[in-house]
Amino acid sequence: MIQSTCLVFKKDVVFIKNVKGKIIDQETRCVHYHSDKDIIAIKFYCCKDYYPCHKCHEETADHSAKVWPKKLFHTKAVICGVCHNELTVTEYLSCKSQCPNCQAHFNPGCSLHTHLYFEV
């Protein structure tokens, strides 16, 4: 795995600061979700790798996704694409779509996909 602070393209997969997937910029936006507020990446429980979205994981990982169990919500599993601060699952779910570190606004629509990443 290539890890870098800059974008590295390899077979339609981009790695940025330990984030895998089809990333299009330095704030972890991807080809699937790229609005101004699509600036988080989520560490997948199954592989412990960060991806910008469930579609990136589905298209580039060699395994099925698994959700974070509630008993591990204290684990850092979300990264802000603006300041690169890592949040625990609990911090992310309670932050009201705003980074507690840099106050960048996250896409509130991500809550529609919570069940794809976290046990509900």
Protein backbone atom coordinates (compact mmCIF):
# COMPACT_ATOMS: atom_id res chain seq x y z
CA MET A 1 0.00 0.00 0.00
CA ILE A 2 1.26 3.45 -0.90
CA GLN A 3 0.90 6.07 1.82
CA SER A 4 1.49 9.68 0.98
CA THR A 5 0.55 13.23 1.82
CA CYS A 6 -0.03 13.88 -1.87
CA LEU A 7 -2.21 12.24 -4.48
CA VAL A 8 -0.80 9.09 -6.06
CA PHE A 9 -2.70 7.54 -8.97
CA LYS A 10 -2.43 3.81 -9.56
CA LYS A 11 -4.93 1.81 -11.62
CA ASP A 12 -7.81 4.26 -11.01
CA VAL A 13 -7.19 4.15 -7.26
CA VAL A 14 -5.82 7.12 -5.36
CA PHE A 15 -4.13 7.03 -1.99
CA ILE A 16 -3.99 10.16 0.16
CA LYS A 17 -2.95 10.19 3.79
CA ASN A 18 -3.83 6.54 4.19
CA VAL A 19 -7.19 6.97 2.43
CA LYS A 20 -7.99 4.55 -0.38
CA GLY A 21 -10.54 4.92 -3.13
CA LYS A 22 -11.32 7.02 -6.16
CA ILE A 23 -10.32 10.32 -4.57
CA ILE A 24 -10.37 13.51 -6.62
CA ASP A 25 -8.84 16.07 -4.24
CA GLN A 26 -6.82 16.68 -1.07
CA GLU A 27 -9.94 16.84 1.13
CA THR A 28 -10.97 13.22 0.40
CA ARG A 29 -13.79 13.94 -2.03
CA CYS A 30 -14.31 11.07 -4.42
CA VAL A 31 -15.85 10.45 -7.82
CA HIS A 32 -19.09 9.38 -6.13
CA TYR A 33 -19.52 12.19 -3.59
CA HIS A 34 -17.83 15.50 -4.29
CA SER A 35 -19.89 18.42 -3.01
CA ASP A 36 -18.24 21.14 -0.93
CA LYS A 37 -19.25 19.26 2.21
CA ASP A 38 -18.17 15.75 1.19
CA ILE A 39 -14.97 15.96 3.21
CA ILE A 40 -14.81 12.91 5.43
CA ALA A 41 -13.30 9.48 5.04
CA ILE A 42 -14.40 6.50 7.11
CA LYS A 43 -12.24 3.68 8.38
CA PHE A 44 -13.99 0.45 7.50
CA TYR A 45 -14.27 -2.06 10.32
CA CYS A 46 -13.54 -5.02 8.04
CA CYS A 47 -10.10 -3.88 6.87
CA LYS A 48 -9.25 -0.84 9.04
CA ASP A 49 -8.61 1.17 5.86
CA TYR A 50 -10.03 4.63 5.24
CA TYR A 51 -12.28 5.19 2.22
CA PRO A 52 -14.26 8.32 1.24
CA CYS A 53 -17.46 6.31 0.78
CA HIS A 54 -19.07 2.89 0.66
CA LYS A 55 -18.97 2.89 -3.14
CA CYS A 56 -15.19 3.40 -3.18
CA HIS A 57 -14.80 0.48 -0.78
CA GLU A 58 -17.11 -1.70 -2.86
CA GLU A 59 -15.24 -0.89 -6.09
CA THR A 60 -11.66 -1.13 -4.84
CA ALA A 61 -11.54 -3.50 -1.84
CA ASP A 62 -11.34 -7.25 -2.33
CA HIS A 63 -13.87 -8.06 0.39
CA SER A 64 -17.33 -7.15 1.68
CA ALA A 65 -17.80 -4.24 4.04
CA LYS A 66 -18.58 -4.78 7.72
CA VAL A 67 -20.04 -2.14 10.04
CA TRP A 68 -18.52 -0.90 13.29
CA PRO A 69 -20.19 -2.58 16.28
CA LYS A 70 -21.59 -0.23 18.94
CA LYS A 71 -19.18 -1.58 21.55
CA LEU A 72 -16.30 -0.07 19.52
CA PHE A 73 -17.75 3.38 18.91
CA HIS A 74 -14.90 4.78 21.07
CA THR A 75 -12.49 3.92 18.21
CA LYS A 76 -11.14 6.63 15.91
CA ALA A 77 -12.77 5.80 12.58
CA VAL A 78 -13.59 9.07 10.77
CA ILE A 79 -11.15 11.60 9.38
CA CYS A 80 -11.91 15.22 8.49
CA GLY A 81 -10.58 15.92 5.02
CA VAL A 82 -9.88 19.56 5.86
CA CYS A 83 -7.77 19.30 9.04
CA HIS A 84 -7.15 15.51 9.02
CA ASN A 85 -8.34 15.22 12.60
CA GLU A 86 -9.51 11.72 13.46
CA LEU A 87 -12.81 11.39 15.27
CA THR A 88 -14.19 8.45 17.16
CA VAL A 89 -17.44 7.01 15.85
CA THR A 90 -19.25 8.56 18.83
CA GLU A 91 -17.70 11.98 18.17
CA TYR A 92 -18.66 11.81 14.51
CA LEU A 93 -22.23 10.70 15.16
CA SER A 94 -22.73 13.48 17.70
CA CYS A 95 -20.88 16.34 15.95
CA LYS A 96 -23.94 17.67 14.09
CA SER A 97 -22.13 17.53 10.72
CA GLN A 98 -19.31 19.84 11.79
CA CYS A 99 -15.71 19.00 12.61
CA PRO A 100 -15.12 19.64 16.32
CA ASN A 101 -11.50 20.54 15.54
CA CYS A 102 -11.67 22.96 12.57
CA GLN A 103 -15.44 23.61 12.35
CA ALA A 104 -15.59 22.51 8.69
CA HIS A 105 -19.11 21.48 7.72
CA PHE A 106 -19.70 17.86 6.75
CA ASN A 107 -22.47 16.74 4.43
CA PRO A 108 -25.55 16.18 6.63
CA GLY A 109 -26.83 13.78 3.95
CA CYS A 110 -24.19 11.28 5.07
CA SER A 111 -26.56 10.38 7.89
CA LEU A 112 -28.63 8.54 5.28
CA HIS A 113 -25.75 6.07 4.94
CA THR A 114 -24.96 5.58 8.63
CA HIS A 115 -26.17 1.97 8.52
CA LEU A 116 -23.54 1.18 5.86
CA TYR A 117 -20.71 2.03 8.27
CA PHE A 118 -21.98 1.77 11.83
CA GLU A 119 -24.25 -0.56 13.76
CA VAL A 120 -27.58 1.20 14.30
